[in-house]
Structure formats: structure tokens, C-alpha cells
N, C-alpha and C. Protein backbone atom coordinates (compact mmCIF):
# COMPACT_ATOMS: atom_id res chain seq x y z
N MET A 1 301.09 210.30 74.36
CA MET A 1 300.17 211.29 73.87
C MET A 1 298.73 210.84 74.03
N LEU A 2 298.54 209.55 73.77
CA LEU A 2 297.19 209.01 73.85
C LEU A 2 296.69 209.01 75.29
N LYS A 3 297.57 208.75 76.22
CA LYS A 3 297.16 208.75 77.63
C LYS A 3 296.77 210.16 78.08
N THR A 4 297.44 211.17 77.60
CA THR A 4 297.10 212.54 77.96
C THR A 4 295.72 212.90 77.44
N LEU A 5 295.42 212.49 76.20
CA LEU A 5 294.10 212.74 75.62
C LEU A 5 293.02 211.98 76.37
N ASP A 6 293.29 210.75 76.77
CA ASP A 6 292.32 209.96 77.53
C ASP A 6 292.03 210.61 78.88
N VAL A 7 293.05 211.06 79.54
CA VAL A 7 292.88 211.71 80.85
C VAL A 7 292.08 213.00 80.68
N LEU A 8 292.39 213.75 79.63
CA LEU A 8 291.67 215.00 79.37
C LEU A 8 290.19 214.73 79.09
N LEU A 9 289.89 213.71 78.30
CA LEU A 9 288.49 213.37 78.00
C LEU A 9 287.75 212.87 79.25
N ILE A 10 288.43 212.12 80.09
CA ILE A 10 287.80 211.63 81.33
C ILE A 10 287.48 212.81 82.24
N VAL A 11 288.40 213.76 82.35
CA VAL A 11 288.16 214.95 83.17
C VAL A 11 286.99 215.76 82.60
N LEU A 12 286.97 215.86 81.26
CA LEU A 12 285.88 216.57 80.61
C LEU A 12 284.54 215.87 80.86
N MET A 13 284.53 214.54 80.79
CA MET A 13 283.31 213.78 81.06
C MET A 13 282.85 213.96 82.50
N LEU A 14 283.78 213.93 83.44
CA LEU A 14 283.43 214.13 84.85
C LEU A 14 282.87 215.54 85.08
N GLY A 15 283.46 216.54 84.42
CA GLY A 15 282.95 217.91 84.54
C GLY A 15 281.54 218.04 83.98
N ALA A 16 281.31 217.40 82.82
CA ALA A 16 279.98 217.43 82.22
C ALA A 16 278.96 216.71 83.12
N ALA A 17 279.37 215.61 83.73
CA ALA A 17 278.46 214.88 84.63
C ALA A 17 278.13 215.73 85.86
N ALA A 18 279.14 216.41 86.39
CA ALA A 18 278.90 217.26 87.56
C ALA A 18 277.97 218.43 87.20
N TRP A 19 278.19 219.02 86.03
CA TRP A 19 277.34 220.14 85.58
C TRP A 19 275.90 219.65 85.38
N THR A 20 275.73 218.46 84.78
CA THR A 20 274.39 217.89 84.56
C THR A 20 273.70 217.62 85.90
N PHE A 21 274.44 217.05 86.85
CA PHE A 21 273.86 216.78 88.16
C PHE A 21 273.44 218.08 88.85
N GLY A 22 274.28 219.12 88.75
CA GLY A 22 273.93 220.41 89.35
C GLY A 22 272.67 221.00 88.74
N ASN A 23 272.55 220.93 87.43
CA ASN A 23 271.34 221.43 86.77
C ASN A 23 270.11 220.63 87.16
N LYS A 24 270.27 219.31 87.25
CA LYS A 24 269.15 218.45 87.65
C LYS A 24 268.68 218.83 89.05
N TYR A 25 269.62 219.06 89.95
CA TYR A 25 269.28 219.42 91.33
C TYR A 25 268.55 220.78 91.36
N GLN A 26 269.01 221.75 90.57
CA GLN A 26 268.34 223.05 90.52
C GLN A 26 266.93 222.93 89.99
N VAL A 27 266.74 222.12 88.95
CA VAL A 27 265.41 221.94 88.36
C VAL A 27 264.47 221.28 89.37
N GLU A 28 264.95 220.27 90.10
CA GLU A 28 264.11 219.63 91.10
C GLU A 28 263.72 220.60 92.20
N THR A 29 264.63 221.47 92.61
CA THR A 29 264.32 222.49 93.62
C THR A 29 263.26 223.45 93.10
N LEU A 30 263.41 223.91 91.87
CA LEU A 30 262.43 224.83 91.29
C LEU A 30 261.07 224.16 91.11
N GLU A 31 261.06 222.88 90.72
CA GLU A 31 259.80 222.15 90.58
C GLU A 31 259.07 222.04 91.92
N SER A 32 259.82 221.79 92.98
CA SER A 32 259.17 221.69 94.29
C SER A 32 258.62 223.05 94.72
N GLN A 33 259.33 224.13 94.39
CA GLN A 33 258.81 225.47 94.71
C GLN A 33 257.55 225.77 93.91
N VAL A 34 257.53 225.38 92.63
CA VAL A 34 256.34 225.60 91.80
C VAL A 34 255.15 224.80 92.34
N MET A 35 255.39 223.57 92.74
CA MET A 35 254.30 222.76 93.29
C MET A 35 253.78 223.36 94.59
N ALA A 36 254.67 223.88 95.43
CA ALA A 36 254.23 224.51 96.68
C ALA A 36 253.39 225.74 96.38
N LEU A 37 253.80 226.54 95.41
CA LEU A 37 253.01 227.72 95.03
C LEU A 37 251.66 227.33 94.45
N ASP A 38 251.63 226.26 93.65
CA ASP A 38 250.35 225.78 93.11
C ASP A 38 249.40 225.36 94.22
N ARG A 39 249.94 224.66 95.23
CA ARG A 39 249.09 224.27 96.36
C ARG A 39 248.58 225.50 97.12
N LYS A 40 249.45 226.48 97.27
CA LYS A 40 249.06 227.71 97.97
C LYS A 40 247.97 228.47 97.20
N ILE A 41 248.12 228.53 95.88
CA ILE A 41 247.12 229.20 95.04
C ILE A 41 245.79 228.47 95.13
N ALA A 42 245.82 227.15 95.08
CA ALA A 42 244.59 226.37 95.18
C ALA A 42 243.91 226.61 96.52
N LEU A 43 244.69 226.67 97.59
CA LEU A 43 244.13 226.94 98.91
C LEU A 43 243.50 228.32 98.96
N GLU A 44 244.16 229.31 98.38
CA GLU A 44 243.61 230.68 98.36
C GLU A 44 242.32 230.73 97.56
N ARG A 45 242.26 230.02 96.43
CA ARG A 45 241.02 229.99 95.63
C ARG A 45 239.87 229.35 96.41
N GLU A 46 240.18 228.26 97.13
CA GLU A 46 239.14 227.63 97.94
C GLU A 46 238.67 228.58 99.04
N THR A 47 239.59 229.30 99.64
CA THR A 47 239.24 230.26 100.69
C THR A 47 238.36 231.37 100.12
N ILE A 48 238.70 231.86 98.94
CA ILE A 48 237.90 232.91 98.31
C ILE A 48 236.49 232.40 98.02
N GLN A 49 236.38 231.18 97.50
CA GLN A 49 235.05 230.62 97.23
C GLN A 49 234.25 230.48 98.52
N LEU A 50 234.89 230.05 99.59
CA LEU A 50 234.21 229.90 100.87
C LEU A 50 233.74 231.26 101.40
N LEU A 51 234.59 232.28 101.29
CA LEU A 51 234.22 233.61 101.76
C LEU A 51 233.10 234.21 100.91
N GLU A 52 233.11 233.96 99.61
CA GLU A 52 232.02 234.44 98.76
C GLU A 52 230.70 233.77 99.13
N ALA A 53 230.76 232.47 99.44
CA ALA A 53 229.54 231.76 99.86
C ALA A 53 229.03 232.33 101.19
N ASP A 54 229.94 232.59 102.13
CA ASP A 54 229.54 233.19 103.40
C ASP A 54 228.93 234.57 103.19
N TRP A 55 229.54 235.35 102.31
CA TRP A 55 229.05 236.72 102.03
C TRP A 55 227.64 236.67 101.47
N SER A 56 227.39 235.76 100.53
CA SER A 56 226.04 235.67 99.95
C SER A 56 225.03 235.19 100.99
N LEU A 57 225.46 234.32 101.89
CA LEU A 57 224.58 233.86 102.95
C LEU A 57 224.26 234.99 103.92
N LEU A 58 225.27 235.77 104.29
CA LEU A 58 225.06 236.85 105.25
C LEU A 58 224.25 238.00 104.67
N ASN A 59 224.24 238.16 103.36
CA ASN A 59 223.53 239.27 102.73
C ASN A 59 222.16 238.89 102.20
N GLN A 60 221.62 237.76 102.62
CA GLN A 60 220.28 237.39 102.16
C GLN A 60 219.26 238.38 102.73
N PRO A 61 218.33 238.84 101.89
CA PRO A 61 217.36 239.85 102.35
C PRO A 61 216.55 239.40 103.57
N ARG A 62 216.15 238.16 103.62
CA ARG A 62 215.35 237.69 104.76
C ARG A 62 216.15 237.78 106.06
N ARG A 63 217.43 237.40 106.01
CA ARG A 63 218.27 237.48 107.19
C ARG A 63 218.45 238.92 107.63
N MET A 64 218.69 239.82 106.67
CA MET A 64 218.84 241.24 107.01
C MET A 64 217.57 241.79 107.65
N GLU A 65 216.43 241.35 107.13
CA GLU A 65 215.15 241.81 107.70
C GLU A 65 214.99 241.30 109.14
N GLN A 66 215.37 240.06 109.39
CA GLN A 66 215.29 239.52 110.74
C GLN A 66 216.22 240.27 111.70
N LEU A 67 217.41 240.59 111.24
CA LEU A 67 218.34 241.36 112.07
C LEU A 67 217.80 242.75 112.36
N ALA A 68 217.23 243.38 111.35
CA ALA A 68 216.68 244.71 111.54
C ALA A 68 215.54 244.68 112.55
N GLU A 69 214.70 243.66 112.49
CA GLU A 69 213.60 243.53 113.45
C GLU A 69 214.13 243.25 114.85
N ALA A 70 215.17 242.42 114.94
CA ALA A 70 215.70 242.06 116.25
C ALA A 70 216.37 243.24 116.94
N PHE A 71 216.98 244.13 116.18
CA PHE A 71 217.72 245.24 116.77
C PHE A 71 217.07 246.60 116.54
N THR A 72 215.77 246.60 116.31
CA THR A 72 215.06 247.86 116.07
C THR A 72 215.20 248.80 117.26
N ALA A 73 215.06 248.28 118.47
CA ALA A 73 215.14 249.13 119.66
C ALA A 73 216.55 249.70 119.84
N ASP A 74 217.56 248.87 119.62
CA ASP A 74 218.94 249.34 119.80
C ASP A 74 219.35 250.35 118.73
N LEU A 75 219.00 250.05 117.49
CA LEU A 75 219.45 250.89 116.38
C LEU A 75 218.49 252.03 116.07
N GLN A 76 217.30 251.97 116.61
CA GLN A 76 216.26 252.96 116.36
C GLN A 76 216.05 253.16 114.86
N LEU A 77 215.86 252.06 114.17
CA LEU A 77 215.65 252.10 112.73
C LEU A 77 214.20 252.42 112.42
N VAL A 78 213.99 253.32 111.50
CA VAL A 78 212.63 253.65 111.05
C VAL A 78 212.67 253.76 109.53
N PRO A 79 211.53 253.52 108.88
CA PRO A 79 211.51 253.65 107.42
C PRO A 79 211.77 255.10 107.01
N ILE A 80 212.30 255.28 105.82
CA ILE A 80 212.60 256.61 105.30
C ILE A 80 211.30 257.28 104.87
N ALA A 81 211.10 258.50 105.34
CA ALA A 81 209.94 259.29 104.93
C ALA A 81 210.23 259.95 103.59
N PRO A 82 209.22 260.15 102.74
CA PRO A 82 209.46 260.76 101.43
C PRO A 82 210.07 262.16 101.52
N GLU A 83 209.77 262.91 102.56
CA GLU A 83 210.33 264.26 102.65
C GLU A 83 211.81 264.25 103.05
N GLN A 84 212.35 263.09 103.42
CA GLN A 84 213.77 263.00 103.74
C GLN A 84 214.63 262.97 102.48
N ILE A 85 214.04 262.61 101.37
CA ILE A 85 214.79 262.49 100.14
C ILE A 85 214.78 263.86 99.45
N VAL A 86 215.95 264.38 99.17
CA VAL A 86 216.06 265.71 98.55
C VAL A 86 216.91 265.61 97.28
N ARG A 87 216.77 266.60 96.44
CA ARG A 87 217.59 266.70 95.23
C ARG A 87 218.91 267.37 95.60
N PRO A 88 219.96 267.17 94.82
CA PRO A 88 221.26 267.78 95.15
C PRO A 88 221.21 269.30 95.25
N ASP A 89 220.36 269.97 94.45
CA ASP A 89 220.32 271.43 94.52
C ASP A 89 219.63 271.93 95.78
N GLU A 90 218.96 271.04 96.52
CA GLU A 90 218.32 271.43 97.77
C GLU A 90 219.25 271.30 98.98
N LEU A 91 220.42 270.71 98.78
CA LEU A 91 221.37 270.56 99.87
C LEU A 91 222.04 271.89 100.17
N PRO A 92 222.41 272.13 101.44
CA PRO A 92 223.10 273.40 101.75
C PRO A 92 224.49 273.40 101.12
N SER A 93 224.98 274.58 100.79
CA SER A 93 226.30 274.68 100.18
C SER A 93 227.38 274.48 101.25
N ALA A 94 228.55 274.13 100.78
CA ALA A 94 229.68 273.91 101.70
C ALA A 94 230.11 275.24 102.29
N PRO A 95 230.53 275.27 103.55
CA PRO A 95 230.97 276.53 104.15
C PRO A 95 232.25 277.03 103.49
N LEU A 96 232.38 278.34 103.41
CA LEU A 96 233.58 278.94 102.83
C LEU A 96 234.72 278.89 103.83
N PRO A 97 235.95 278.75 103.35
CA PRO A 97 237.09 278.75 104.28
C PRO A 97 237.26 280.13 104.89
N PRO A 98 237.78 280.21 106.11
CA PRO A 98 237.96 281.53 106.74
C PRO A 98 238.97 282.37 105.96
N GLU A 99 238.73 283.66 105.95
CA GLU A 99 239.63 284.56 105.24
C GLU A 99 240.89 284.78 106.08
N PRO A 100 242.06 284.77 105.46
CA PRO A 100 243.28 285.02 106.23
C PRO A 100 243.36 286.50 106.61
N GLU A 101 244.02 286.74 107.72
CA GLU A 101 244.17 288.13 108.18
C GLU A 101 245.08 288.87 107.22
N LYS A 102 244.79 290.15 107.00
CA LYS A 102 245.56 290.93 106.02
C LYS A 102 246.98 291.19 106.52
N ASP A 103 247.16 291.44 107.80
CA ASP A 103 248.48 291.77 108.34
C ASP A 103 249.20 290.54 108.89
N ALA A 104 248.70 289.38 108.62
CA ALA A 104 249.29 288.16 109.18
C ALA A 104 250.71 287.98 108.67
N LYS A 105 250.94 288.24 107.39
CA LYS A 105 252.26 288.04 106.82
C LYS A 105 253.27 289.03 107.43
N SER A 106 252.85 290.27 107.54
CA SER A 106 253.78 291.26 108.09
C SER A 106 254.05 290.99 109.57
N ARG A 107 253.04 290.50 110.31
CA ARG A 107 253.26 290.17 111.72
C ARG A 107 254.20 288.98 111.86
N THR A 108 254.09 288.02 110.97
CA THR A 108 254.97 286.85 111.02
C THR A 108 256.40 287.28 110.77
N LEU A 109 256.61 288.16 109.81
CA LEU A 109 257.97 288.63 109.52
C LEU A 109 258.52 289.43 110.70
N ALA A 110 257.67 290.25 111.34
CA ALA A 110 258.11 291.04 112.48
C ALA A 110 258.47 290.14 113.65
N ASP A 111 257.66 289.08 113.88
CA ASP A 111 257.96 288.15 114.95
C ASP A 111 259.27 287.41 114.69
N ALA A 112 259.52 287.07 113.44
CA ALA A 112 260.74 286.36 113.09
C ALA A 112 261.96 287.24 113.31
N SER A 113 261.83 288.52 112.99
CA SER A 113 262.97 289.43 113.17
C SER A 113 263.25 289.64 114.66
N LYS A 114 262.22 289.63 115.49
CA LYS A 114 262.42 289.78 116.94
C LYS A 114 263.18 288.59 117.50
N VAL A 115 262.84 287.40 117.00
CA VAL A 115 263.49 286.19 117.49
C VAL A 115 264.97 286.21 117.09
N ARG A 116 265.28 286.66 115.88
CA ARG A 116 266.66 286.71 115.44
C ARG A 116 267.47 287.75 116.22
N ALA A 117 266.80 288.87 116.61
CA ALA A 117 267.49 289.94 117.30
C ALA A 117 267.93 289.50 118.69
N ARG A 118 267.25 288.58 119.29
CA ARG A 118 267.57 288.15 120.67
C ARG A 118 268.78 287.35 120.72
């Protein structure tokens, strides 16, 4: 009887050891995935900071003024005249949509009946 209990406990211990090893392996895999994601996030943050620095450099007023002067002939840029600025009520109204034909529906039905008759 004692030998049966010993064998059963040894099997139970081996099963527990295998389960513990499996869990340890899963945790190590998940930890490596988390570390890879952390590295990826850090890289993305550095990229965002670099792009923001580039954006602020490219949008400096002096640089924009130099570009405007360099490409004045190509772009035909001129200062805005005061009479170009208008209030919203001075803008023309939007065009009205075309009115549908009155007999369009009856013609469509007549055309459909002709097609079915053939």
C-alpha cells in the first residue's frame, strides 16, 4: 500500500514540476514580447520627437519668407489687397440644384414597360 502511495506522490510531483516549467516558459515568452513592444514604443516616441523638431524647423517664419522670395516668380505670390477680404454676407450664394423634369417619372415607367414587353 505504501509503495502505491509513493508512486502516486512521485507522479503528482512530476506533474506539478512539468506544469511549473510550462508556466515559467510562457511567462518568459510574454516578458520577451513585452520588452520588444517597449523597445518599439520607445523608438516610435523618438521618431515623433524627431519629426516634431523637423516640423518646427521647417515652419520657421524666416525660412518661409526666404522660400517665398525664392519662388515669387514661379508661384506669382503677391500681398493680399484690403479689397480682397470680404465678409461672409458679401459672398455669392450657392447655386440651386437643377429642377427635376415633371414627366421624368412617368417616362421612366413607360420605358421600363417597353423593355419588359420585348
